[in-house]
Amino acid sequence: ISGGAVMPGIHVGKLKKILVWAPPIALQQEFTYRCRAIDRLRASLSSSLAVVDELFVAIQHHVFSDQF
């Protein structure tokens, strides 16, 4: 856009000639699908871990308060 040098030795004309590989849209969509699935699993596991932690605390409380 500027028509001048971007950095010393690198000009806009040279940058316009660079080819950048991009995966096909179907592959990008598959990647997005898998990332979202992983995010859902992570959230589910995090929620399950919170429940397990709560149960563990409850069991500890029950065990140690009834013995003494």
Protein backbone atom coordinates (compact mmCIF):
# COMPACT_ATOMS: atom_id res chain seq x y z
CA ILE A 1 0.00 0.00 0.00
CA SER A 2 2.75 2.41 0.92
CA GLY A 3 4.77 1.68 -2.20
CA GLY A 4 8.00 2.22 -0.28
CA ALA A 5 10.30 0.10 1.77
CA VAL A 6 8.74 -1.89 4.60
CA MET A 7 12.13 -2.52 6.16
CA PRO A 8 15.55 -1.83 4.79
CA GLY A 9 16.10 -4.40 2.04
CA ILE A 10 12.49 -5.65 2.03
CA HIS A 11 10.15 -3.96 -0.41
CA VAL A 12 6.41 -4.31 -0.92
CA GLY A 13 6.97 -5.79 -4.38
CA LYS A 14 8.99 -8.63 -2.88
CA LEU A 15 6.38 -9.27 -0.21
CA LYS A 16 3.61 -9.50 -2.81
CA LYS A 17 5.50 -12.30 -4.57
CA ILE A 18 5.66 -14.51 -1.48
CA LEU A 19 3.30 -17.47 -1.66
CA VAL A 20 1.66 -18.49 1.58
CA TRP A 21 0.24 -21.99 1.83
CA ALA A 22 -3.19 -22.28 3.42
CA PRO A 23 -4.88 -25.62 4.06
CA PRO A 24 -8.12 -26.35 2.21
CA ILE A 25 -11.28 -25.02 3.88
CA ALA A 26 -12.47 -28.57 4.66
CA LEU A 27 -9.26 -29.25 6.57
CA GLN A 28 -9.54 -25.93 8.42
CA GLN A 29 -13.13 -26.78 9.38
CA GLU A 30 -12.08 -30.24 10.59
CA PHE A 31 -9.35 -28.64 12.71
CA THR A 32 -11.89 -26.21 14.20
CA TYR A 33 -14.31 -29.06 14.89
CA ARG A 34 -11.63 -31.05 16.71
CA CYS A 35 -10.48 -28.03 18.72
CA ARG A 36 -14.05 -27.38 19.85
CA ALA A 37 -14.50 -31.05 20.76
CA ILE A 38 -11.33 -30.90 22.85
CA ASP A 39 -12.59 -27.73 24.55
CA ARG A 40 -15.88 -29.46 25.38
CA LEU A 41 -14.04 -32.48 26.81
CA ARG A 42 -11.76 -30.21 28.84
CA ALA A 43 -14.77 -28.39 30.31
CA SER A 44 -16.50 -31.68 31.10
CA LEU A 45 -13.40 -33.10 32.77
CA SER A 46 -12.90 -29.92 34.74
CA SER A 47 -16.49 -30.09 35.98
CA SER A 48 -16.09 -33.78 36.89
CA LEU A 49 -12.88 -33.02 38.77
CA ALA A 50 -14.67 -30.36 40.80
CA VAL A 51 -17.37 -32.88 41.77
CA VAL A 52 -14.76 -35.47 42.72
CA ASP A 53 -12.94 -32.89 44.85
CA GLU A 54 -16.18 -32.00 46.63
CA LEU A 55 -16.95 -35.67 47.30
CA PHE A 56 -13.44 -36.27 48.60
CA VAL A 57 -13.71 -33.36 51.01
CA ALA A 58 -17.10 -34.64 52.20
CA ILE A 59 -15.73 -38.14 52.78
CA GLN A 60 -12.72 -36.76 54.65
CA HIS A 61 -14.99 -34.68 56.84
CA HIS A 62 -17.24 -37.65 57.56
CA VAL A 63 -14.36 -40.02 58.33
CA PHE A 64 -12.35 -37.70 60.52
CA SER A 65 -15.24 -36.10 62.40
CA ASP A 66 -16.86 -39.42 63.34
CA GLN A 67 -13.67 -40.99 64.71
CA PHE A 68 -12.89 -38.33 67.30
